[in-house]
C-alpha atoms as a PDB file:
ATOM      1  CA  MET A   1      -0.153  -0.107   0.035  1.00  0.00           C
ATOM      2  CA  ASN A   2       1.320   3.228  -1.028  1.00  0.00           C
ATOM      3  CA  LEU A   3       1.597   6.321   1.586  1.00  0.00           C
ATOM      4  CA  VAL A   4      -1.598   8.140   0.279  1.00  0.00           C
ATOM      5  CA  ASP A   5      -3.769   4.983   0.351  1.00  0.00           C
ATOM      6  CA  CYS A   6      -2.104   4.406   3.908  1.00  0.00           C
ATOM      7  CA  PHE A   7      -3.285   7.437   5.027  1.00  0.00           C
ATOM      8  CA  ARG A   8      -6.816   6.998   3.846  1.00  0.00           C
ATOM      9  CA  ASN A   9      -7.010   4.088   5.726  1.00  0.00           C
ATOM     10  CA  PRO A  10      -7.622   4.664   9.686  1.00  0.00           C
ATOM     11  CA  THR A  11      -5.905   1.367  10.638  1.00  0.00           C
ATOM     12  CA  CYS A  12      -2.779   1.877   8.489  1.00  0.00           C
ATOM     13  CA  ARG A  13      -2.750   5.536   9.330  1.00  0.00           C
ATOM     14  CA  ARG A  14      -2.621   4.745  12.836  1.00  0.00           C
ATOM     15  CA  GLN A  15       0.091   2.077  12.431  1.00  0.00           C
ATOM     16  CA  ARG A  16       2.141   4.513  10.266  1.00  0.00           C
ATOM     17  CA  LEU A  17       1.837   7.429  13.054  1.00  0.00           C
ATOM     18  CA  SER A  18       2.849   5.078  15.665  1.00  0.00           C
ATOM     19  CA  ALA A  19       6.213   4.199  13.749  1.00  0.00           C
ATOM     20  CA  TYR A  20       6.986   7.848  12.999  1.00  0.00           C
ATOM     21  CA  ALA A  21       6.649   8.609  16.615  1.00  0.00           C
ATOM     22  CA  ARG A  22       9.066   5.772  17.326  1.00  0.00           C
ATOM     23  CA  LEU A  23      11.477   6.903  14.660  1.00  0.00           C
ATOM     24  CA  ILE A  24      11.941  10.093  16.468  1.00  0.00           C
ATOM     25  CA  ARG A  25      12.046   8.385  19.788  1.00  0.00           C
ATOM     26  CA  LEU A  26       9.133  10.177  21.199  1.00  0.00           C
ATOM     27  CA  ASP A  27       8.867   6.985  23.557  1.00  0.00           C
ATOM     28  CA  ARG A  28      12.201   7.277  24.761  1.00  0.00           C
ATOM     29  CA  PRO A  29      12.814  11.128  25.562  1.00  0.00           C
ATOM     30  CA  ILE A  30      16.294  10.633  27.256  1.00  0.00           C
ATOM     31  CA  GLY A  31      17.778  12.317  24.468  1.00  0.00           C
ATOM     32  CA  ILE A  32      15.559  15.437  24.471  1.00  0.00           C
ATOM     33  CA  PHE A  33      16.616  15.807  28.217  1.00  0.00           C
ATOM     34  CA  LEU A  34      20.430  15.359  27.416  1.00  0.00           C
ATOM     35  CA  LEU A  35      20.098  18.174  24.779  1.00  0.00           C
ATOM     36  CA  LEU A  36      17.889  20.526  26.937  1.00  0.00           C
ATOM     37  CA  TRP A  37      19.896  20.737  30.195  1.00  0.00           C
ATOM     38  CA  PRO A  38      22.908  22.345  28.763  1.00  0.00           C
ATOM     39  CA  THR A  39      20.731  24.604  26.570  1.00  0.00           C
ATOM     40  CA  LEU A  40      19.075  25.717  29.682  1.00  0.00           C
ATOM     41  CA  TRP A  41      22.558  26.310  31.688  1.00  0.00           C
ATOM     42  CA  ALA A  42      23.429  28.596  28.929  1.00  0.00           C
ATOM     43  CA  LEU A  43      20.129  30.310  28.718  1.00  0.00           C
ATOM     44  CA  TRP A  44      20.045  30.996  32.502  1.00  0.00           C
ATOM     45  CA  ILE A  45      23.906  32.077  32.567  1.00  0.00           C
ATOM     46  CA  ALA A  46      23.419  34.152  29.319  1.00  0.00           C
ATOM     47  CA  GLY A  47      20.053  35.930  31.053  1.00  0.00           C
ATOM     48  CA  GLU A  48      21.874  36.096  34.514  1.00  0.00           C
ATOM     49  CA  GLY A  49      19.290  34.113  36.103  1.00  0.00           C
ATOM     50  CA  HIS A  50      16.297  35.965  34.447  1.00  0.00           C
ATOM     51  CA  PRO A  51      16.207  34.666  30.592  1.00  0.00           C
ATOM     52  CA  ASP A  52      13.837  35.919  28.242  1.00  0.00           C
ATOM     53  CA  TRP A  53      10.953  33.599  28.635  1.00  0.00           C
ATOM     54  CA  ARG A  54      10.095  33.945  25.016  1.00  0.00           C
ATOM     55  CA  VAL A  55      13.781  32.621  24.000  1.00  0.00           C
ATOM     56  CA  VAL A  56      13.488  29.734  26.249  1.00  0.00           C
ATOM     57  CA  ALA A  57      10.190  28.784  24.654  1.00  0.00           C
ATOM     58  CA  VAL A  58      11.446  28.766  21.294  1.00  0.00           C
ATOM     59  CA  PHE A  59      14.838  26.916  22.484  1.00  0.00           C
ATOM     60  CA  VAL A  60      12.778  24.054  24.331  1.00  0.00           C
ATOM     61  CA  ALA A  61      10.712  23.921  21.135  1.00  0.00           C
ATOM     62  CA  GLY A  62      13.782  23.570  18.937  1.00  0.00           C
ATOM     63  CA  VAL A  63      15.647  21.033  21.351  1.00  0.00           C
ATOM     64  CA  VAL A  64      12.673  18.395  20.761  1.00  0.00           C
ATOM     65  CA  LEU A  65      12.458  19.091  17.006  1.00  0.00           C
ATOM     66  CA  MET A  66      16.262  18.673  16.493  1.00  0.00           C
ATOM     67  CA  ARG A  67      16.628  15.723  18.543  1.00  0.00           C
ATOM     68  CA  SER A  68      13.799  14.016  16.849  1.00  0.00           C
ATOM     69  CA  ALA A  69      15.305  14.990  13.437  1.00  0.00           C
ATOM     70  CA  GLY A  70      18.631  13.774  14.815  1.00  0.00           C
ATOM     71  CA  CYS A  71      17.099  10.648  15.501  1.00  0.00           C
ATOM     72  CA  ALA A  72      15.327  10.517  12.000  1.00  0.00           C
ATOM     73  CA  ILE A  73      18.635  11.012  10.214  1.00  0.00           C
ATOM     74  CA  ASN A  74      20.397   8.533  12.301  1.00  0.00           C
ATOM     75  CA  ASP A  75      18.171   5.480  11.539  1.00  0.00           C
ATOM     76  CA  TYR A  76      18.487   6.340   7.766  1.00  0.00           C
ATOM     77  CA  ALA A  77      22.242   6.238   8.018  1.00  0.00           C
ATOM     78  CA  ASP A  78      22.087   3.204   9.909  1.00  0.00           C
ATOM     79  CA  ARG A  79      19.406   1.592   7.686  1.00  0.00           C
ATOM     80  CA  GLY A  80      22.052  -1.247   6.812  1.00  0.00           C
ATOM     81  CA  PHE A  81      23.422  -1.772  10.608  1.00  0.00           C
ATOM     82  CA  ASP A  82      20.345  -1.650  12.635  1.00  0.00           C
ATOM     83  CA  PRO A  83      18.689  -5.061  11.604  1.00  0.00           C
ATOM     84  CA  HIS A  84      22.021  -6.907  12.743  1.00  0.00           C
ATOM     85  CA  VAL A  85      22.367  -5.185  16.110  1.00  0.00           C
ATOM     86  CA  ALA A  86      19.857  -6.687  19.089  1.00  0.00           C
ATOM     87  CA  ARG A  87      18.926  -3.172  20.595  1.00  0.00           C
ATOM     88  CA  THR A  88      18.109  -1.619  17.332  1.00  0.00           C
ATOM     89  CA  ARG A  89      16.518  -4.213  14.919  1.00  0.00           C
ATOM     90  CA  THR A  90      13.250  -3.381  16.149  1.00  0.00           C
ATOM     91  CA  ARG A  91      13.380   0.181  15.123  1.00  0.00           C
ATOM     92  CA  PRO A  92      10.838   1.099  12.310  1.00  0.00           C
ATOM     93  CA  LEU A  93      13.181   1.499   9.564  1.00  0.00           C
ATOM     94  CA  ALA A  94      15.250  -1.434  10.419  1.00  0.00           C
ATOM     95  CA  ALA A  95      11.852  -3.578  10.986  1.00  0.00           C
ATOM     96  CA  GLY A  96      10.586  -2.310   7.298  1.00  0.00           C
ATOM     97  CA  GLU A  97       7.569  -0.451   9.120  1.00  0.00           C
ATOM     98  CA  ILE A  98       8.482   2.737   7.143  1.00  0.00           C
ATOM     99  CA  THR A  99      10.616   3.525   4.226  1.00  0.00           C
ATOM    100  CA  PRO A 100      14.124   5.395   3.900  1.00  0.00           C
ATOM    101  CA  ARG A 101      12.473   8.053   1.823  1.00  0.00           C
ATOM    102  CA  GLU A 102       9.957   8.555   4.862  1.00  0.00           C
ATOM    103  CA  ALA A 103      12.910   8.694   7.269  1.00  0.00           C
ATOM    104  CA  LEU A 104      14.608  11.178   5.337  1.00  0.00           C
ATOM    105  CA  GLY A 105      11.450  13.252   4.767  1.00  0.00           C
ATOM    106  CA  ILE A 106      10.855  13.415   8.226  1.00  0.00           C
ATOM    107  CA  PHE A 107      14.380  14.949   8.767  1.00  0.00           C
ATOM    108  CA  VAL A 108      13.707  17.447   6.321  1.00  0.00           C
ATOM    109  CA  LEU A 109      10.371  18.565   7.754  1.00  0.00           C
ATOM    110  CA  LEU A 110      11.496  18.832  11.464  1.00  0.00           C
ATOM    111  CA  CYS A 111      14.635  20.619  10.402  1.00  0.00           C
ATOM    112  CA  LEU A 112      12.259  23.214   8.579  1.00  0.00           C
ATOM    113  CA  LEU A 113      10.180  23.646  11.279  1.00  0.00           C
ATOM    114  CA  ALA A 114      13.014  24.096  13.783  1.00  0.00           C
ATOM    115  CA  PHE A 115      14.441  26.874  11.151  1.00  0.00           C
ATOM    116  CA  ALA A 116      11.126  28.506  11.306  1.00  0.00           C
ATOM    117  CA  LEU A 117      11.278  28.908  15.139  1.00  0.00           C
ATOM    118  CA  VAL A 118      15.251  30.276  14.541  1.00  0.00           C
ATOM    119  CA  LEU A 119      13.729  32.898  12.371  1.00  0.00           C
ATOM    120  CA  THR A 120      12.005  34.516  15.247  1.00  0.00           C
ATOM    121  CA  LEU A 121      15.356  35.034  16.923  1.00  0.00           C
ATOM    122  CA  ASN A 122      18.243  37.691  16.161  1.00  0.00           C
ATOM    123  CA  SER A 123      20.448  37.372  12.744  1.00  0.00           C
ATOM    124  CA  LEU A 124      23.420  36.087  14.544  1.00  0.00           C
ATOM    125  CA  THR A 125      21.435  33.093  15.908  1.00  0.00           C
ATOM    126  CA  ILE A 126      19.972  32.233  12.591  1.00  0.00           C
ATOM    127  CA  ARG A 127      23.690  32.161  11.081  1.00  0.00           C
ATOM    128  CA  LEU A 128      24.832  30.072  13.945  1.00  0.00           C
ATOM    129  CA  SER A 129      21.891  27.577  13.358  1.00  0.00           C
ATOM    130  CA  VAL A 130      23.248  26.434   9.971  1.00  0.00           C
ATOM    131  CA  VAL A 131      26.223  25.106  11.761  1.00  0.00           C
ATOM    132  CA  ALA A 132      23.928  23.366  13.951  1.00  0.00           C
ATOM    133  CA  VAL A 133      21.961  21.410  11.294  1.00  0.00           C
ATOM    134  CA  LEU A 134      25.489  20.622   9.339  1.00  0.00           C
ATOM    135  CA  LEU A 135      26.406  19.120  12.728  1.00  0.00           C
ATOM    136  CA  ALA A 136      23.220  17.048  12.957  1.00  0.00           C
ATOM    137  CA  ALA A 137      22.993  15.984   9.469  1.00  0.00           C
ATOM    138  CA  THR A 138      26.763  14.604   9.479  1.00  0.00           C
ATOM    139  CA  TYR A 139      27.187  12.918  12.954  1.00  0.00           C
ATOM    140  CA  PRO A 140      25.558   9.640  11.908  1.00  0.00           C
ATOM    141  CA  PHE A 141      27.871   9.063   9.084  1.00  0.00           C
ATOM    142  CA  MET A 142      30.939   9.663  11.397  1.00  0.00           C
ATOM    143  CA  LYS A 143      31.092   6.160  12.735  1.00  0.00           C
ATOM    144  CA  ARG A 144      32.007   4.577   9.283  1.00  0.00           C
ATOM    145  CA  PHE A 145      35.040   7.010   9.046  1.00  0.00           C
ATOM    146  CA  HIS A 146      36.585   7.377  12.460  1.00  0.00           C
ATOM    147  CA  TYR A 147      36.443   6.239  16.294  1.00  0.00           C
ATOM    148  CA  LEU A 148      35.364   9.599  17.558  1.00  0.00           C
ATOM    149  CA  PRO A 149      31.890  10.088  16.634  1.00  0.00           C
ATOM    150  CA  GLN A 150      31.025  10.679  20.144  1.00  0.00           C
ATOM    151  CA  VAL A 151      33.001  14.199  19.966  1.00  0.00           C
ATOM    152  CA  HIS A 152      31.216  14.642  16.859  1.00  0.00           C
ATOM    153  CA  LEU A 153      27.834  14.356  18.829  1.00  0.00           C
ATOM    154  CA  GLY A 154      29.233  16.657  21.435  1.00  0.00           C
ATOM    155  CA  ALA A 155      29.691  19.235  19.093  1.00  0.00           C
ATOM    156  CA  ALA A 156      26.326  18.837  17.438  1.00  0.00           C
ATOM    157  CA  PHE A 157      24.613  18.909  21.297  1.00  0.00           C
ATOM    158  CA  GLY A 158      26.936  21.694  22.343  1.00  0.00           C
ATOM    159  CA  TRP A 159      26.286  23.992  19.497  1.00  0.00           C
ATOM    160  CA  ALA A 160      22.857  25.058  21.282  1.00  0.00           C
ATOM    161  CA  ILE A 161      25.262  26.873  23.752  1.00  0.00           C
ATOM    162  CA  PRO A 162      26.714  29.688  21.726  1.00  0.00           C
ATOM    163  CA  MET A 163      23.162  30.070  20.116  1.00  0.00           C
ATOM    164  CA  ALA A 164      21.438  30.325  23.263  1.00  0.00           C
ATOM    165  CA  PHE A 165      23.890  33.175  24.179  1.00  0.00           C
ATOM    166  CA  ALA A 166      23.600  34.782  20.767  1.00  0.00           C
ATOM    167  CA  ALA A 167      19.873  34.720  21.090  1.00  0.00           C
ATOM    168  CA  GLN A 168      19.619  36.092  24.722  1.00  0.00           C
ATOM    169  CA  THR A 169      22.214  38.824  24.717  1.00  0.00           C
ATOM    170  CA  GLY A 170      22.230  39.418  20.588  1.00  0.00           C
ATOM    171  CA  SER A 171      26.242  39.503  20.511  1.00  0.00           C
ATOM    172  CA  PHE A 172      28.813  36.865  19.881  1.00  0.00           C
ATOM    173  CA  PRO A 173      29.005  34.367  22.654  1.00  0.00           C
ATOM    174  CA  PRO A 174      31.712  35.359  25.416  1.00  0.00           C
ATOM    175  CA  PRO A 175      34.493  33.075  26.565  1.00  0.00           C
ATOM    176  CA  VAL A 176      32.118  31.435  29.139  1.00  0.00           C
ATOM    177  CA  ALA A 177      29.776  30.270  26.518  1.00  0.00           C
ATOM    178  CA  TRP A 178      32.658  28.445  24.968  1.00  0.00           C
ATOM    179  CA  LEU A 179      33.636  26.931  28.424  1.00  0.00           C
ATOM    180  CA  LEU A 180      30.115  25.650  28.725  1.00  0.00           C
ATOM    181  CA  PHE A 181      30.597  24.344  25.066  1.00  0.00           C
ATOM    182  CA  ILE A 182      33.655  22.494  25.849  1.00  0.00           C
ATOM    183  CA  ALA A 183      32.087  20.990  29.081  1.00  0.00           C
ATOM    184  CA  ASN A 184      29.228  19.718  27.185  1.00  0.00           C
ATOM    185  CA  LEU A 185      31.452  18.187  24.360  1.00  0.00           C
ATOM    186  CA  LEU A 186      33.146  16.215  27.205  1.00  0.00           C
ATOM    187  CA  TRP A 187      30.260  15.217  29.065  1.00  0.00           C
ATOM    188  CA  THR A 188      28.470  13.845  25.914  1.00  0.00           C
ATOM    189  CA  THR A 189      31.442  12.063  24.885  1.00  0.00           C
ATOM    190  CA  ALA A 190      31.661  10.646  28.066  1.00  0.00           C
ATOM    191  CA  TYR A 191      28.237   9.419  28.357  1.00  0.00           C
ATOM    192  CA  ASP A 192      27.902   8.456  24.671  1.00  0.00           C
ATOM    193  CA  THR A 193      31.117   6.140  25.225  1.00  0.00           C
ATOM    194  CA  LEU A 194      28.868   4.569  28.021  1.00  0.00           C
ATOM    195  CA  TYR A 195      26.101   4.137  25.435  1.00  0.00           C
ATOM    196  CA  ALA A 196      28.688   2.714  22.840  1.00  0.00           C
ATOM    197  CA  MET A 197      30.197   0.230  25.639  1.00  0.00           C
ATOM    198  CA  ALA A 198      26.607  -1.487  25.709  1.00  0.00           C
ATOM    199  CA  ASP A 199      26.998  -2.125  21.752  1.00  0.00           C
ATOM    200  CA  ARG A 200      30.323  -2.605  21.593  1.00  0.00           C
ATOM    201  CA  GLU A 201      30.297  -6.436  20.691  1.00  0.00           C
ATOM    202  CA  ASP A 202      27.929  -5.876  18.092  1.00  0.00           C
ATOM    203  CA  ASP A 203      29.637  -2.790  16.895  1.00  0.00           C
ATOM    204  CA  LEU A 204      32.848  -4.937  16.339  1.00  0.00           C
ATOM    205  CA  ARG A 205      31.217  -7.531  14.616  1.00  0.00           C
ATOM    206  CA  ILE A 206      29.693  -5.194  11.943  1.00  0.00           C
ATOM    207  CA  GLY A 207      32.582  -2.738  11.632  1.00  0.00           C
ATOM    208  CA  VAL A 208      31.134   0.223  13.166  1.00  0.00           C
ATOM    209  CA  LYS A 209      33.580   2.659  15.050  1.00  0.00           C
ATOM    210  CA  SER A 210      33.170   4.254  18.372  1.00  0.00           C
ATOM    211  CA  THR A 211      35.049   5.486  21.355  1.00  0.00           C
ATOM    212  CA  ALA A 212      34.260   2.376  23.466  1.00  0.00           C
ATOM    213  CA  ILE A 213      36.216   0.569  20.873  1.00  0.00           C
ATOM    214  CA  LEU A 214      39.011   3.034  20.659  1.00  0.00           C
ATOM    215  CA  PHE A 215      39.695   2.949  24.370  1.00  0.00           C
ATOM    216  CA  GLY A 216      39.147  -0.690  24.774  1.00  0.00           C
ATOM    217  CA  ASP A 217      40.087  -1.804  28.222  1.00  0.00           C
ATOM    218  CA  LEU A 218      40.662   1.865  29.231  1.00  0.00           C
ATOM    219  CA  ASP A 219      37.199   2.644  28.469  1.00  0.00           C
ATOM    220  CA  ARG A 220      36.120   3.007  32.149  1.00  0.00           C
ATOM    221  CA  PHE A 221      39.488   5.054  33.051  1.00  0.00           C
ATOM    222  CA  MET A 222      38.692   7.301  29.921  1.00  0.00           C
ATOM    223  CA  VAL A 223      35.189   8.061  30.701  1.00  0.00           C
ATOM    224  CA  GLY A 224      36.253   9.025  34.517  1.00  0.00           C
ATOM    225  CA  VAL A 225      38.730  11.598  32.894  1.00  0.00           C
ATOM    226  CA  LEU A 226      36.302  13.008  30.529  1.00  0.00           C
ATOM    227  CA  GLN A 227      34.001  13.290  33.505  1.00  0.00           C
ATOM    228  CA  GLY A 228      36.534  14.970  35.625  1.00  0.00           C
ATOM    229  CA  LEU A 229      37.430  17.307  32.861  1.00  0.00           C
ATOM    230  CA  PHE A 230      33.479  18.052  32.328  1.00  0.00           C
ATOM    231  CA  LEU A 231      33.334  18.987  35.877  1.00  0.00           C
ATOM    232  CA  LEU A 232      36.668  21.347  35.784  1.00  0.00           C
ATOM    233  CA  ALA A 233      35.333  23.218  32.770  1.00  0.00           C
ATOM    234  CA  LEU A 234      32.080  23.521  34.426  1.00  0.00           C
ATOM    235  CA  TRP A 235      33.600  24.799  37.745  1.00  0.00           C
ATOM    236  CA  LEU A 236      35.937  27.551  35.335  1.00  0.00           C
ATOM    237  CA  ALA A 237      32.758  28.576  33.636  1.00  0.00           C
ATOM    238  CA  GLY A 238      30.792  29.063  37.173  1.00  0.00           C
ATOM    239  CA  ARG A 239      33.894  31.317  38.243  1.00  0.00           C
ATOM    240  CA  GLN A 240      33.403  33.635  34.951  1.00  0.00           C
ATOM    241  CA  ALA A 241      29.850  33.776  35.547  1.00  0.00           C
ATOM    242  CA  GLY A 242      30.059  34.706  39.353  1.00  0.00           C
ATOM    243  CA  LEU A 243      28.316  31.533  40.626  1.00  0.00           C
ATOM    244  CA  ASP A 244      28.945  30.081  43.827  1.00  0.00           C
ATOM    245  CA  GLY A 245      27.461  27.849  46.297  1.00  0.00           C
ATOM    246  CA  TRP A 246      24.549  26.171  44.993  1.00  0.00           C
ATOM    247  CA  TRP A 247      26.437  25.985  41.579  1.00  0.00           C
ATOM    248  CA  LEU A 248      29.205  24.197  43.513  1.00  0.00           C
ATOM    249  CA  ALA A 249      26.592  21.971  45.352  1.00  0.00           C
ATOM    250  CA  GLY A 250      24.900  21.069  41.837  1.00  0.00           C
ATOM    251  CA  LEU A 251      28.507  20.166  40.705  1.00  0.00           C
ATOM    252  CA  ALA A 252      29.126  18.006  43.957  1.00  0.00           C
ATOM    253  CA  VAL A 253      25.861  15.962  43.329  1.00  0.00           C
ATOM    254  CA  ALA A 254      26.527  15.439  39.683  1.00  0.00           C
ATOM    255  CA  ALA A 255      30.261  14.177  40.584  1.00  0.00           C
ATOM    256  CA  LEU A 256      28.775  11.842  43.143  1.00  0.00           C
ATOM    257  CA  LEU A 257      26.242  10.431  40.276  1.00  0.00           C
ATOM    258  CA  MET A 258      29.358  10.168  38.082  1.00  0.00           C
ATOM    259  CA  LEU A 259      30.830   8.029  40.570  1.00  0.00           C
ATOM    260  CA  HIS A 260      27.855   5.610  40.717  1.00  0.00           C
ATOM    261  CA  GLN A 261      28.036   5.326  37.147  1.00  0.00           C
ATOM    262  CA  GLN A 262      31.675   3.827  37.595  1.00  0.00           C
ATOM    263  CA  TRP A 263      30.380   1.817  39.999  1.00  0.00           C
ATOM    264  CA  ARG A 264      27.504   0.404  37.910  1.00  0.00           C
ATOM    265  CA  VAL A 265      29.763  -0.415  35.023  1.00  0.00           C
ATOM    266  CA  ARG A 266      32.676  -1.731  36.994  1.00  0.00           C
ATOM    267  CA  ASN A 267      31.849  -5.346  35.161  1.00  0.00           C
ATOM    268  CA  ARG A 268      31.131  -3.526  31.769  1.00  0.00           C
ATOM    269  CA  GLU A 269      27.571  -5.655  31.302  1.00  0.00           C
ATOM    270  CA  PRO A 270      25.786  -4.045  28.479  1.00  0.00           C
ATOM    271  CA  ALA A 271      22.569  -3.552  30.655  1.00  0.00           C
ATOM    272  CA  ALA A 272      24.474  -1.923  33.153  1.00  0.00           C
ATOM    273  CA  CYS A 273      26.414   0.495  30.931  1.00  0.00           C
ATOM    274  CA  PHE A 274      22.962   1.544  29.372  1.00  0.00           C
ATOM    275  CA  LYS A 275      21.584   2.351  32.786  1.00  0.00           C
ATOM    276  CA  ALA A 276      24.662   4.350  33.614  1.00  0.00           C
ATOM    277  CA  PHE A 277      23.974   6.298  30.200  1.00  0.00           C
ATOM    278  CA  LEU A 278      20.401   7.006  31.110  1.00  0.00           C
ATOM    279  CA  GLU A 279      21.548   8.365  34.659  1.00  0.00           C
ATOM    280  CA  ASN A 280      23.220  11.221  33.088  1.00  0.00           C
ATOM    281  CA  ASN A 281      19.895  12.723  32.769  1.00  0.00           C
ATOM    282  CA  TRP A 282      20.032  13.349  36.376  1.00  0.00           C
ATOM    283  CA  VAL A 283      23.331  14.993  36.217  1.00  0.00           C
ATOM    284  CA  GLY A 284      22.152  17.476  33.965  1.00  0.00           C
ATOM    285  CA  ALA A 285      19.183  18.147  36.352  1.00  0.00           C
ATOM    286  CA  ALA A 286      21.210  18.414  39.368  1.00  0.00           C
ATOM    287  CA  ILE A 287      23.660  21.011  37.698  1.00  0.00           C
ATOM    288  CA  PHE A 288      20.624  22.985  36.410  1.00  0.00           C
ATOM    289  CA  ALA A 289      19.052  22.782  39.710  1.00  0.00           C
ATOM    290  CA  GLY A 290      22.117  24.215  41.505  1.00  0.00           C
ATOM    291  CA  LEU A 291      22.445  27.089  38.855  1.00  0.00           C
ATOM    292  CA  VAL A 292      18.795  28.168  39.290  1.00  0.00           C
ATOM    293  CA  LEU A 293      18.929  28.016  43.178  1.00  0.00           C
ATOM    294  CA  ASP A 294      22.281  30.070  43.032  1.00  0.00           C
ATOM    295  CA  TYR A 295      20.650  32.809  40.942  1.00  0.00           C
ATOM    296  CA  ALA A 296      17.387  32.924  42.888  1.00  0.00           C
ATOM    297  CA  LEU A 297      18.738  32.870  46.202  1.00  0.00           C
ATOM    298  CA  ARG A 298      21.569  35.519  46.113  1.00  0.00           C
END
């Protein structure tokens, strides 16, 4: 049944819309949160605790749209790999529920919707958004060429930070914005390495590259180094922004959560590595809570 006929049939339409929702991971919002927290850090610091709520609304909606677009292009890029990996073989594209053309069309549509939101902001933010789309579109293909796709993902997730500063202040992002960008790149590389550790055996079998494969037996050590550098970069950013007690408390909670992740992955069991990856939502939330409290209780 072609797509037009499918949408005329209520049962087929319902099934296809469900497949689209699963393609963009609306049933698994962890990626939305991992992209949202650093964006909110940037908006709060750029606005000195009082961000423009219209800008906040635009960025929250943009986060949802761009993370969803990223999932669609990721599955399009991995359509030849996903059927051979236990965790991904039930994804709609891998399972044949939708076509590659549909996945690519959804990616384009979501990017256009996100760009329409950006057009409500200033010209500098609009120019920076072009880089965001390029990073999102190219990330899924990097695992074919080098062992650092997690770093590329960090850049893609982190680019919302300079955009947030540009939207909030109307000027080129200051040094504190780039410290936050570097911090987020380090954090993303760390948690996505945990994610890749869960898939390492499948990735080795099908020839996909990742930091988990690159680091080998040093994977836990390298994740710990990245996490430590992430906290150091945030501490430096906080000093530049004049943040103090509650910000440091948020970083302390984040450090404890990361120590728990190290304990969880001590045996490198795939399920445990995936759970450790999921716990990074609470790392981002703890840092944001400390940031909000630091500005609110001055």
